[in-house]
Amino acid sequence: MHPQQPSKIQLSNTGDYREAYANSVQVRVSLWDFFLSFGTINQTAPDAVSIQNFQGIFLSPQQAKALANVLNQNLQQYESAFGEIRLDPKQGASPVQ
C-alpha cells in the first residue's frame, strides 16, 4: 500500500472576513452545538465591568473538540518556548463561562 498523500488546502477570506482582539469569550452549549461569543471587557469603575460582544460563532461538537485540541497543542508549544501562562484573577482575567 502507498501512503496517502495529504490534500492540498487553499485558504481564502470571504468579503466579510475580519480580525479583532477579544479578551472575553462566553460559551453556551446545547445538544446540537457550541456557541462562542467574543467581546472586549472594559472596567468602567472599581466595581463595574462592561462587556461588548462583537462576534458570535456556532460550532458543531466535533469542531469544538477539534478547536480545543488545536488550542491545547498551541498553548503547550507557547509555554515550552516562553514559559507558563498564569491566570491571575487580580489582573482581571476573564472567566470562560
PDB file of N, CA and C in Angstrom:
ATOM      1  N   MET A   1       0.835  -1.191   0.000  1.00  0.00           N
ATOM      2  CA  MET A   1       0.000   0.000   0.000  1.00  0.00           C
ATOM      3  C   MET A   1       0.870   1.241   0.000  1.00  0.00           C
ATOM      4  N   HIS A   2       0.420   2.236  -0.712  1.00  0.00           N
ATOM      5  CA  HIS A   2       1.110   3.518  -0.753  1.00  0.00           C
ATOM      6  C   HIS A   2       0.499   4.440   0.276  1.00  0.00           C
ATOM      7  N   PRO A   3       1.345   5.175   0.998  1.00  0.00           N
ATOM      8  CA  PRO A   3       0.773   6.141   1.954  1.00  0.00           C
ATOM      9  C   PRO A   3      -0.026   7.197   1.203  1.00  0.00           C
ATOM     10  N   GLN A   4      -1.131   7.595   1.804  1.00  0.00           N
ATOM     11  CA  GLN A   4      -1.999   8.592   1.182  1.00  0.00           C
ATOM     12  C   GLN A   4      -1.338   9.961   1.234  1.00  0.00           C
ATOM     13  N   GLN A   5      -1.312  10.644   0.117  1.00  0.00           N
ATOM     14  CA  GLN A   5      -0.752  11.987   0.047  1.00  0.00           C
ATOM     15  C   GLN A   5      -1.713  12.973   0.712  1.00  0.00           C
ATOM     16  N   PRO A   6      -1.180  13.925   1.480  1.00  0.00           N
ATOM     17  CA  PRO A   6      -2.070  14.917   2.094  1.00  0.00           C
ATOM     18  C   PRO A   6      -2.739  15.777   1.022  1.00  0.00           C
ATOM     19  N   SER A   7      -3.960  16.168   1.309  1.00  0.00           N
ATOM     20  CA  SER A   7      -4.691  17.035   0.389  1.00  0.00           C
ATOM     21  C   SER A   7      -4.069  18.416   0.381  1.00  0.00           C
ATOM     22  N   LYS A   8      -4.138  19.072  -0.766  1.00  0.00           N
ATOM     23  CA  LYS A   8      -3.699  20.461  -0.846  1.00  0.00           C
ATOM     24  C   LYS A   8      -4.842  21.329  -0.327  1.00  0.00           C
ATOM     25  N   ILE A   9      -4.505  22.221   0.576  1.00  0.00           N
ATOM     26  CA  ILE A   9      -5.508  23.095   1.181  1.00  0.00           C
ATOM     27  C   ILE A   9      -5.256  24.510   0.716  1.00  0.00           C
ATOM     28  N   GLN A  10      -6.307  25.135   0.223  1.00  0.00           N
ATOM     29  CA  GLN A  10      -6.214  26.533  -0.201  1.00  0.00           C
ATOM     30  C   GLN A  10      -7.110  27.365   0.704  1.00  0.00           C
ATOM     31  N   LEU A  11      -6.520  28.345   1.375  1.00  0.00           N
ATOM     32  CA  LEU A  11      -7.274  29.236   2.248  1.00  0.00           C
ATOM     33  C   LEU A  11      -7.605  30.527   1.522  1.00  0.00           C
ATOM     34  N   SER A  12      -8.810  31.016   1.748  1.00  0.00           N
ATOM     35  CA  SER A  12      -9.184  32.325   1.218  1.00  0.00           C
ATOM     36  C   SER A  12     -10.148  32.968   2.203  1.00  0.00           C
ATOM     37  N   ASN A  13     -10.226  34.281   2.170  1.00  0.00           N
ATOM     38  CA  ASN A  13     -11.114  35.029   3.060  1.00  0.00           C
ATOM     39  C   ASN A  13     -12.342  35.491   2.290  1.00  0.00           C
ATOM     40  N   THR A  14     -13.502  35.409   2.938  1.00  0.00           N
ATOM     41  CA  THR A  14     -14.718  35.925   2.336  1.00  0.00           C
ATOM     42  C   THR A  14     -14.714  37.449   2.421  1.00  0.00           C
ATOM     43  N   GLY A  15     -15.636  38.088   1.747  1.00  0.00           N
ATOM     44  CA  GLY A  15     -15.715  39.538   1.757  1.00  0.00           C
ATOM     45  C   GLY A  15     -15.997  40.123   3.135  1.00  0.00           C
ATOM     46  N   ASP A  16     -16.676  39.357   3.996  1.00  0.00           N
ATOM     47  CA  ASP A  16     -16.982  39.880   5.327  1.00  0.00           C
ATOM     48  C   ASP A  16     -16.002  39.384   6.396  1.00  0.00           C
ATOM     49  N   TYR A  17     -14.872  38.810   5.991  1.00  0.00           N
ATOM     50  CA  TYR A  17     -13.847  38.373   6.937  1.00  0.00           C
ATOM     51  C   TYR A  17     -13.308  39.575   7.702  1.00  0.00           C
ATOM     52  N   ARG A  18     -13.060  39.360   9.010  1.00  0.00           N
ATOM     53  CA  ARG A  18     -12.459  40.424   9.816  1.00  0.00           C
ATOM     54  C   ARG A  18     -11.646  39.803  10.941  1.00  0.00           C
ATOM     55  N   GLU A  19     -10.720  40.573  11.438  1.00  0.00           N
ATOM     56  CA  GLU A  19      -9.923  40.181  12.590  1.00  0.00           C
ATOM     57  C   GLU A  19     -10.133  41.225  13.668  1.00  0.00           C
ATOM     58  N   ALA A  20     -10.170  40.766  14.906  1.00  0.00           N
ATOM     59  CA  ALA A  20     -10.362  41.690  16.024  1.00  0.00           C
ATOM     60  C   ALA A  20      -9.754  41.077  17.271  1.00  0.00           C
ATOM     61  N   TYR A  21      -9.467  41.906  18.238  1.00  0.00           N
ATOM     62  CA  TYR A  21      -8.951  41.477  19.537  1.00  0.00           C
ATOM     63  C   TYR A  21     -10.125  41.184  20.469  1.00  0.00           C
ATOM     64  N   ALA A  22     -10.049  40.070  21.193  1.00  0.00           N
ATOM     65  CA  ALA A  22     -11.064  39.737  22.192  1.00  0.00           C
ATOM     66  C   ALA A  22     -10.369  39.371  23.496  1.00  0.00           C
ATOM     67  N   ASN A  23     -10.870  39.913  24.594  1.00  0.00           N
ATOM     68  CA  ASN A  23     -10.376  39.493  25.898  1.00  0.00           C
ATOM     69  C   ASN A  23     -11.519  38.923  26.741  1.00  0.00           C
ATOM     70  N   SER A  24     -12.599  38.570  26.052  1.00  0.00           N
ATOM     71  CA  SER A  24     -13.750  37.937  26.683  1.00  0.00           C
ATOM     72  C   SER A  24     -14.334  36.904  25.727  1.00  0.00           C
ATOM     73  N   VAL A  25     -14.591  35.717  26.246  1.00  0.00           N
ATOM     74  CA  VAL A  25     -15.278  34.678  25.469  1.00  0.00           C
ATOM     75  C   VAL A  25     -16.298  34.019  26.380  1.00  0.00           C
ATOM     76  N   GLN A  26     -17.535  34.027  25.975  1.00  0.00           N
ATOM     77  CA  GLN A  26     -18.572  33.286  26.690  1.00  0.00           C
ATOM     78  C   GLN A  26     -18.931  32.072  25.834  1.00  0.00           C
ATOM     79  N   VAL A  27     -19.231  30.961  26.492  1.00  0.00           N
ATOM     80  CA  VAL A  27     -19.547  29.722  25.786  1.00  0.00           C
ATOM     81  C   VAL A  27     -20.915  29.238  26.243  1.00  0.00           C
ATOM     82  N   ARG A  28     -21.780  28.950  25.276  1.00  0.00           N
ATOM     83  CA  ARG A  28     -23.070  28.316  25.560  1.00  0.00           C
ATOM     84  C   ARG A  28     -23.082  26.983  24.836  1.00  0.00           C
ATOM     85  N   VAL A  29     -23.656  25.989  25.472  1.00  0.00           N
ATOM     86  CA  VAL A  29     -23.664  24.640  24.914  1.00  0.00           C
ATOM     87  C   VAL A  29     -25.093  24.132  24.843  1.00  0.00           C
ATOM     88  N   SER A  30     -25.426  23.497  23.715  1.00  0.00           N
ATOM     89  CA  SER A  30     -26.701  22.794  23.594  1.00  0.00           C
ATOM     90  C   SER A  30     -26.402  21.389  23.077  1.00  0.00           C
ATOM     91  N   LEU A  31     -27.410  20.603  22.938  1.00  0.00           N
ATOM     92  CA  LEU A  31     -27.246  19.246  22.428  1.00  0.00           C
ATOM     93  C   LEU A  31     -26.614  19.239  21.038  1.00  0.00           C
ATOM     94  N   TRP A  32     -26.909  20.259  20.230  1.00  0.00           N
ATOM     95  CA  TRP A  32     -26.505  20.267  18.825  1.00  0.00           C
ATOM     96  C   TRP A  32     -25.259  21.081  18.534  1.00  0.00           C
ATOM     97  N   ASP A  33     -24.940  22.073  19.389  1.00  0.00           N
ATOM     98  CA  ASP A  33     -23.806  22.930  19.044  1.00  0.00           C
ATOM     99  C   ASP A  33     -23.237  23.660  20.244  1.00  0.00           C
ATOM    100  N   PHE A  34     -22.099  24.291  20.000  1.00  0.00           N
ATOM    101  CA  PHE A  34     -21.445  25.192  20.945  1.00  0.00           C
ATOM    102  C   PHE A  34     -21.538  26.585  20.346  1.00  0.00           C
ATOM    103  N   PHE A  35     -21.780  27.581  21.183  1.00  0.00           N
ATOM    104  CA  PHE A  35     -21.830  28.968  20.714  1.00  0.00           C
ATOM    105  C   PHE A  35     -20.776  29.749  21.470  1.00  0.00           C
ATOM    106  N   LEU A  36     -19.843  30.364  20.745  1.00  0.00           N
ATOM    107  CA  LEU A  36     -18.791  31.187  21.337  1.00  0.00           C
ATOM    108  C   LEU A  36     -19.098  32.639  21.013  1.00  0.00           C
ATOM    109  N   SER A  37     -19.184  33.464  22.035  1.00  0.00           N
ATOM    110  CA  SER A  37     -19.442  34.891  21.872  1.00  0.00           C
ATOM    111  C   SER A  37     -18.184  35.646  22.286  1.00  0.00           C
ATOM    112  N   PHE A  38     -17.581  36.377  21.349  1.00  0.00           N
ATOM    113  CA  PHE A  38     -16.328  37.092  21.578  1.00  0.00           C
ATOM    114  C   PHE A  38     -16.612  38.567  21.815  1.00  0.00           C
ATOM    115  N   GLY A  39     -15.866  39.156  22.739  1.00  0.00           N
ATOM    116  CA  GLY A  39     -16.057  40.571  23.037  1.00  0.00           C
ATOM    117  C   GLY A  39     -14.850  41.162  23.727  1.00  0.00           C
ATOM    118  N   THR A  40     -15.021  42.404  24.154  1.00  0.00           N
ATOM    119  CA  THR A  40     -13.978  43.104  24.900  1.00  0.00           C
ATOM    120  C   THR A  40     -14.545  43.555  26.243  1.00  0.00           C
ATOM    121  N   ILE A  41     -13.702  43.443  27.256  1.00  0.00           N
ATOM    122  CA  ILE A  41     -14.072  43.847  28.619  1.00  0.00           C
ATOM    123  C   ILE A  41     -13.477  45.214  28.897  1.00  0.00           C
ATOM    124  N   ASN A  42     -14.284  46.077  29.469  1.00  0.00           N
ATOM    125  CA  ASN A  42     -13.813  47.387  29.921  1.00  0.00           C
ATOM    126  C   ASN A  42     -14.218  47.564  31.368  1.00  0.00           C
ATOM    127  N   GLN A  43     -13.251  47.904  32.221  1.00  0.00           N
ATOM    128  CA  GLN A  43     -13.549  48.196  33.623  1.00  0.00           C
ATOM    129  C   GLN A  43     -13.984  49.651  33.684  1.00  0.00           C
ATOM    130  N   THR A  44     -15.278  49.887  33.899  1.00  0.00           N
ATOM    131  CA  THR A  44     -15.822  51.243  33.889  1.00  0.00           C
ATOM    132  C   THR A  44     -15.766  51.915  35.253  1.00  0.00           C
ATOM    133  N   ALA A  45     -15.599  51.122  36.313  1.00  0.00           N
ATOM    134  CA  ALA A  45     -15.471  51.624  37.687  1.00  0.00           C
ATOM    135  C   ALA A  45     -14.837  50.499  38.498  1.00  0.00           C
ATOM    136  N   PRO A  46     -14.355  50.798  39.706  1.00  0.00           N
ATOM    137  CA  PRO A  46     -13.734  49.734  40.507  1.00  0.00           C
ATOM    138  C   PRO A  46     -14.638  48.520  40.717  1.00  0.00           C
ATOM    139  N   ASP A  47     -15.955  48.745  40.723  1.00  0.00           N
ATOM    140  CA  ASP A  47     -16.887  47.642  40.959  1.00  0.00           C
ATOM    141  C   ASP A  47     -17.808  47.382  39.767  1.00  0.00           C
ATOM    142  N   ALA A  48     -17.420  47.856  38.573  1.00  0.00           N
ATOM    143  CA  ALA A  48     -18.278  47.672  37.398  1.00  0.00           C
ATOM    144  C   ALA A  48     -17.456  47.319  36.165  1.00  0.00           C
ATOM    145  N   VAL A  49     -17.947  46.336  35.428  1.00  0.00           N
ATOM    146  CA  VAL A  49     -17.296  45.886  34.201  1.00  0.00           C
ATOM    147  C   VAL A  49     -18.329  45.901  33.082  1.00  0.00           C
ATOM    148  N   SER A  50     -17.898  46.359  31.918  1.00  0.00           N
ATOM    149  CA  SER A  50     -18.749  46.370  30.737  1.00  0.00           C
ATOM    150  C   SER A  50     -18.141  45.420  29.705  1.00  0.00           C
ATOM    151  N   ILE A  51     -18.965  44.525  29.145  1.00  0.00           N
ATOM    152  CA  ILE A  51     -18.510  43.621  28.092  1.00  0.00           C
ATOM    153  C   ILE A  51     -19.292  43.941  26.832  1.00  0.00           C
ATOM    154  N   GLN A  52     -18.569  44.230  25.761  1.00  0.00           N
ATOM    155  CA  GLN A  52     -19.203  44.497  24.471  1.00  0.00           C
ATOM    156  C   GLN A  52     -18.875  43.346  23.532  1.00  0.00           C
ATOM    157  N   ASN A  53     -19.882  42.508  23.250  1.00  0.00           N
ATOM    158  CA  ASN A  53     -19.692  41.386  22.337  1.00  0.00           C
ATOM    159  C   ASN A  53     -19.761  41.876  20.898  1.00  0.00           C
ATOM    160  N   PHE A  54     -18.874  41.343  20.048  1.00  0.00           N
ATOM    161  CA  PHE A  54     -18.852  41.774  18.652  1.00  0.00           C
ATOM    162  C   PHE A  54     -18.968  40.636  17.647  1.00  0.00           C
ATOM    163  N   GLN A  55     -18.849  39.386  18.098  1.00  0.00           N
ATOM    164  CA  GLN A  55     -18.940  38.271  17.150  1.00  0.00           C
ATOM    165  C   GLN A  55     -19.393  37.014  17.869  1.00  0.00           C
ATOM    166  N   GLY A  56     -20.325  36.302  17.278  1.00  0.00           N
ATOM    167  CA  GLY A  56     -20.764  35.014  17.786  1.00  0.00           C
ATOM    168  C   GLY A  56     -20.514  33.949  16.734  1.00  0.00           C
ATOM    169  N   ILE A  57     -20.023  32.790  17.163  1.00  0.00           N
ATOM    170  CA  ILE A  57     -19.702  31.696  16.249  1.00  0.00           C
ATOM    171  C   ILE A  57     -20.334  30.412  16.778  1.00  0.00           C
ATOM    172  N   PHE A  58     -21.072  29.705  15.937  1.00  0.00           N
ATOM    173  CA  PHE A  58     -21.608  28.388  16.270  1.00  0.00           C
ATOM    174  C   PHE A  58     -20.642  27.329  15.758  1.00  0.00           C
ATOM    175  N   LEU A  59     -20.376  26.310  16.580  1.00  0.00           N
ATOM    176  CA  LEU A  59     -19.529  25.187  16.204  1.00  0.00           C
ATOM    177  C   LEU A  59     -20.255  23.883  16.514  1.00  0.00           C
ATOM    178  N   SER A  60     -20.059  22.881  15.655  1.00  0.00           N
ATOM    179  CA  SER A  60     -20.555  21.551  15.976  1.00  0.00           C
ATOM    180  C   SER A  60     -19.748  21.013  17.153  1.00  0.00           C
ATOM    181  N   PRO A  61     -20.270  20.049  17.901  1.00  0.00           N
ATOM    182  CA  PRO A  61     -19.484  19.468  18.995  1.00  0.00           C
ATOM    183  C   PRO A  61     -18.144  18.915  18.509  1.00  0.00           C
ATOM    184  N   GLN A  62     -18.131  18.320  17.331  1.00  0.00           N
ATOM    185  CA  GLN A  62     -16.882  17.773  16.787  1.00  0.00           C
ATOM    186  C   GLN A  62     -15.878  18.884  16.494  1.00  0.00           C
ATOM    187  N   GLN A  63     -16.339  19.972  15.917  1.00  0.00           N
ATOM    188  CA  GLN A  63     -15.435  21.078  15.605  1.00  0.00           C
ATOM    189  C   GLN A  63     -14.971  21.771  16.876  1.00  0.00           C
ATOM    190  N   ALA A  64     -15.832  21.856  17.892  1.00  0.00           N
ATOM    191  CA  ALA A  64     -15.435  22.435  19.176  1.00  0.00           C
ATOM    192  C   ALA A  64     -14.326  21.591  19.817  1.00  0.00           C
ATOM    193  N   LYS A  65     -14.441  20.265  19.733  1.00  0.00           N
ATOM    194  CA  LYS A  65     -13.409  19.401  20.301  1.00  0.00           C
ATOM    195  C   LYS A  65     -12.112  19.539  19.513  1.00  0.00           C
ATOM    196  N   ALA A  66     -12.208  19.626  18.193  1.00  0.00           N
ATOM    197  CA  ALA A  66     -11.014  19.827  17.365  1.00  0.00           C
ATOM    198  C   ALA A  66     -10.348  21.160  17.712  1.00  0.00           C
ATOM    199  N   LEU A  67     -11.142  22.214  17.916  1.00  0.00           N
ATOM    200  CA  LEU A  67     -10.602  23.520  18.311  1.00  0.00           C
ATOM    201  C   LEU A  67      -9.904  23.424  19.664  1.00  0.00           C
ATOM    202  N   ALA A  68     -10.515  22.731  20.622  1.00  0.00           N
ATOM    203  CA  ALA A  68      -9.901  22.569  21.943  1.00  0.00           C
ATOM    204  C   ALA A  68      -8.553  21.856  21.813  1.00  0.00           C
ATOM    205  N   ASN A  69      -8.484  20.827  20.969  1.00  0.00           N
ATOM    206  CA  ASN A  69      -7.220  20.105  20.774  1.00  0.00           C
ATOM    207  C   ASN A  69      -6.151  21.008  20.170  1.00  0.00           C
ATOM    208  N   VAL A  70      -6.513  21.786  19.155  1.00  0.00           N
ATOM    209  CA  VAL A  70      -5.558  22.685  18.495  1.00  0.00           C
ATOM    210  C   VAL A  70      -5.083  23.758  19.475  1.00  0.00           C
ATOM    211  N   LEU A  71      -6.005  24.327  20.256  1.00  0.00           N
ATOM    212  CA  LEU A  71      -5.616  25.333  21.242  1.00  0.00           C
ATOM    213  C   LEU A  71      -4.680  24.741  22.290  1.00  0.00           C
ATOM    214  N   ASN A  72      -4.992  23.545  22.790  1.00  0.00           N
ATOM    215  CA  ASN A  72      -4.129  22.910  23.793  1.00  0.00           C
ATOM    216  C   ASN A  72      -2.733  22.640  23.246  1.00  0.00           C
ATOM    217  N   GLN A  73      -2.639  22.154  22.010  1.00  0.00           N
ATOM    218  CA  GLN A  73      -1.337  21.921  21.377  1.00  0.00           C
ATOM    219  C   GLN A  73      -0.539  23.220  21.291  1.00  0.00           C
ATOM    220  N   ASN A  74      -1.198  24.275  20.832  1.00  0.00           N
ATOM    221  CA  ASN A  74      -0.513  25.557  20.665  1.00  0.00           C
ATOM    222  C   ASN A  74      -0.147  26.187  22.004  1.00  0.00           C
ATOM    223  N   LEU A  75      -0.980  26.025  23.029  1.00  0.00           N
ATOM    224  CA  LEU A  75      -0.646  26.527  24.357  1.00  0.00           C
ATOM    225  C   LEU A  75       0.572  25.802  24.925  1.00  0.00           C
ATOM    226  N   GLN A  76       0.639  24.488  24.732  1.00  0.00           N
ATOM    227  CA  GLN A  76       1.801  23.733  25.197  1.00  0.00           C
ATOM    228  C   GLN A  76       3.075  24.194  24.495  1.00  0.00           C
ATOM    229  N   GLN A  77       2.998  24.419  23.185  1.00  0.00           N
ATOM    230  CA  GLN A  77       4.163  24.897  22.433  1.00  0.00           C
ATOM    231  C   GLN A  77       4.570  26.296  22.898  1.00  0.00           C
ATOM    232  N   TYR A  78       3.597  27.167  23.120  1.00  0.00           N
ATOM    233  CA  TYR A  78       3.862  28.523  23.580  1.00  0.00           C
ATOM    234  C   TYR A  78       4.566  28.487  24.930  1.00  0.00           C
ATOM    235  N   GLU A  79       4.014  27.692  25.874  1.00  0.00           N
ATOM    236  CA  GLU A  79       4.601  27.629  27.211  1.00  0.00           C
ATOM    237  C   GLU A  79       5.986  26.987  27.185  1.00  0.00           C
ATOM    238  N   SER A  80       6.220  26.049  26.277  1.00  0.00           N
ATOM    239  CA  SER A  80       7.560  25.468  26.139  1.00  0.00           C
ATOM    240  C   SER A  80       8.565  26.519  25.687  1.00  0.00           C
ATOM    241  N   ALA A  81       8.118  27.412  24.814  1.00  0.00           N
ATOM    242  CA  ALA A  81       9.004  28.444  24.274  1.00  0.00           C
ATOM    243  C   ALA A  81       9.148  29.650  25.203  1.00  0.00           C
ATOM    244  N   PHE A  82       8.055  30.070  25.866  1.00  0.00           N
ATOM    245  CA  PHE A  82       8.045  31.342  26.588  1.00  0.00           C
ATOM    246  C   PHE A  82       7.775  31.237  28.078  1.00  0.00           C
ATOM    247  N   GLY A  83       7.460  30.058  28.577  1.00  0.00           N
ATOM    248  CA  GLY A  83       7.163  29.889  29.992  1.00  0.00           C
ATOM    249  C   GLY A  83       5.670  29.778  30.254  1.00  0.00           C
ATOM    250  N   GLU A  84       5.358  29.405  31.482  1.00  0.00           N
ATOM    251  CA  GLU A  84       3.969  29.161  31.882  1.00  0.00           C
ATOM    252  C   GLU A  84       3.112  30.422  31.770  1.00  0.00           C
ATOM    253  N   ILE A  85       1.915  30.251  31.268  1.00  0.00           N
ATOM    254  CA  ILE A  85       0.923  31.323  31.232  1.00  0.00           C
ATOM    255  C   ILE A  85       0.145  31.224  32.540  1.00  0.00           C
ATOM    256  N   ARG A  86       0.157  32.291  33.305  1.00  0.00           N
ATOM    257  CA  ARG A  86      -0.550  32.298  34.586  1.00  0.00           C
ATOM    258  C   ARG A  86      -1.830  33.116  34.460  1.00  0.00           C
ATOM    259  N   LEU A  87      -2.887  32.598  35.034  1.00  0.00           N
ATOM    260  CA  LEU A  87      -4.151  33.317  35.087  1.00  0.00           C
ATOM    261  C   LEU A  87      -4.263  33.955  36.456  1.00  0.00           C
ATOM    262  N   ASP A  88      -4.007  35.260  36.513  1.00  0.00           N
ATOM    263  CA  ASP A  88      -4.003  35.996  37.765  1.00  0.00           C
ATOM    264  C   ASP A  88      -5.327  36.739  37.918  1.00  0.00           C
ATOM    265  N   PRO A  89      -6.216  36.298  38.816  1.00  0.00           N
ATOM    266  CA  PRO A  89      -7.513  36.965  38.956  1.00  0.00           C
ATOM    267  C   PRO A  89      -7.401  38.418  39.397  1.00  0.00           C
ATOM    268  N   LYS A  90      -6.285  38.793  40.018  1.00  0.00           N
ATOM    269  CA  LYS A  90      -6.096  40.174  40.434  1.00  0.00           C
ATOM    270  C   LYS A  90      -5.918  41.108  39.250  1.00  0.00           C
ATOM    271  N   GLN A  91      -5.548  40.548  38.091  1.00  0.00           N
ATOM    272  CA  GLN A  91      -5.354  41.360  36.895  1.00  0.00           C
ATOM    273  C   GLN A  91      -6.588  41.362  35.999  1.00  0.00           C
ATOM    274  N   GLY A  92      -7.717  40.897  36.506  1.00  0.00           N
ATOM    275  CA  GLY A  92      -8.956  40.956  35.737  1.00  0.00           C
ATOM    276  C   GLY A  92      -9.057  39.914  34.658  1.00  0.00           C
ATOM    277  N   ALA A  93      -8.465  38.746  34.851  1.00  0.00           N
ATOM    278  CA  ALA A  93      -8.574  37.683  33.853  1.00  0.00           C
ATOM    279  C   ALA A  93     -10.039  37.336  33.674  1.00  0.00           C
ATOM    280  N   SER A  94     -10.434  37.172  32.443  1.00  0.00           N
ATOM    281  CA  SER A  94     -11.820  36.899  32.117  1.00  0.00           C
ATOM    282  C   SER A  94     -12.130  35.422  32.281  1.00  0.00           C
ATOM    283  N   PRO A  95     -13.126  35.068  33.083  1.00  0.00           N
ATOM    284  CA  PRO A  95     -13.506  33.664  33.180  1.00  0.00           C
ATOM    285  C   PRO A  95     -14.237  33.222  31.923  1.00  0.00           C
ATOM    286  N   VAL A  96     -14.015  32.007  31.505  1.00  0.00           N
ATOM    287  CA  VAL A  96     -14.765  31.437  30.390  1.00  0.00           C
ATOM    288  C   VAL A  96     -16.013  30.814  30.990  1.00  0.00           C
ATOM    289  N   GLN A  97     -17.161  31.215  30.487  1.00  0.00           N
ATOM    290  CA  GLN A  97     -18.421  30.727  31.032  1.00  0.00           C
ATOM    291  C   GLN A  97     -19.023  29.708  30.109  1.00  0.00           C
TER     292      GLN A  97
END
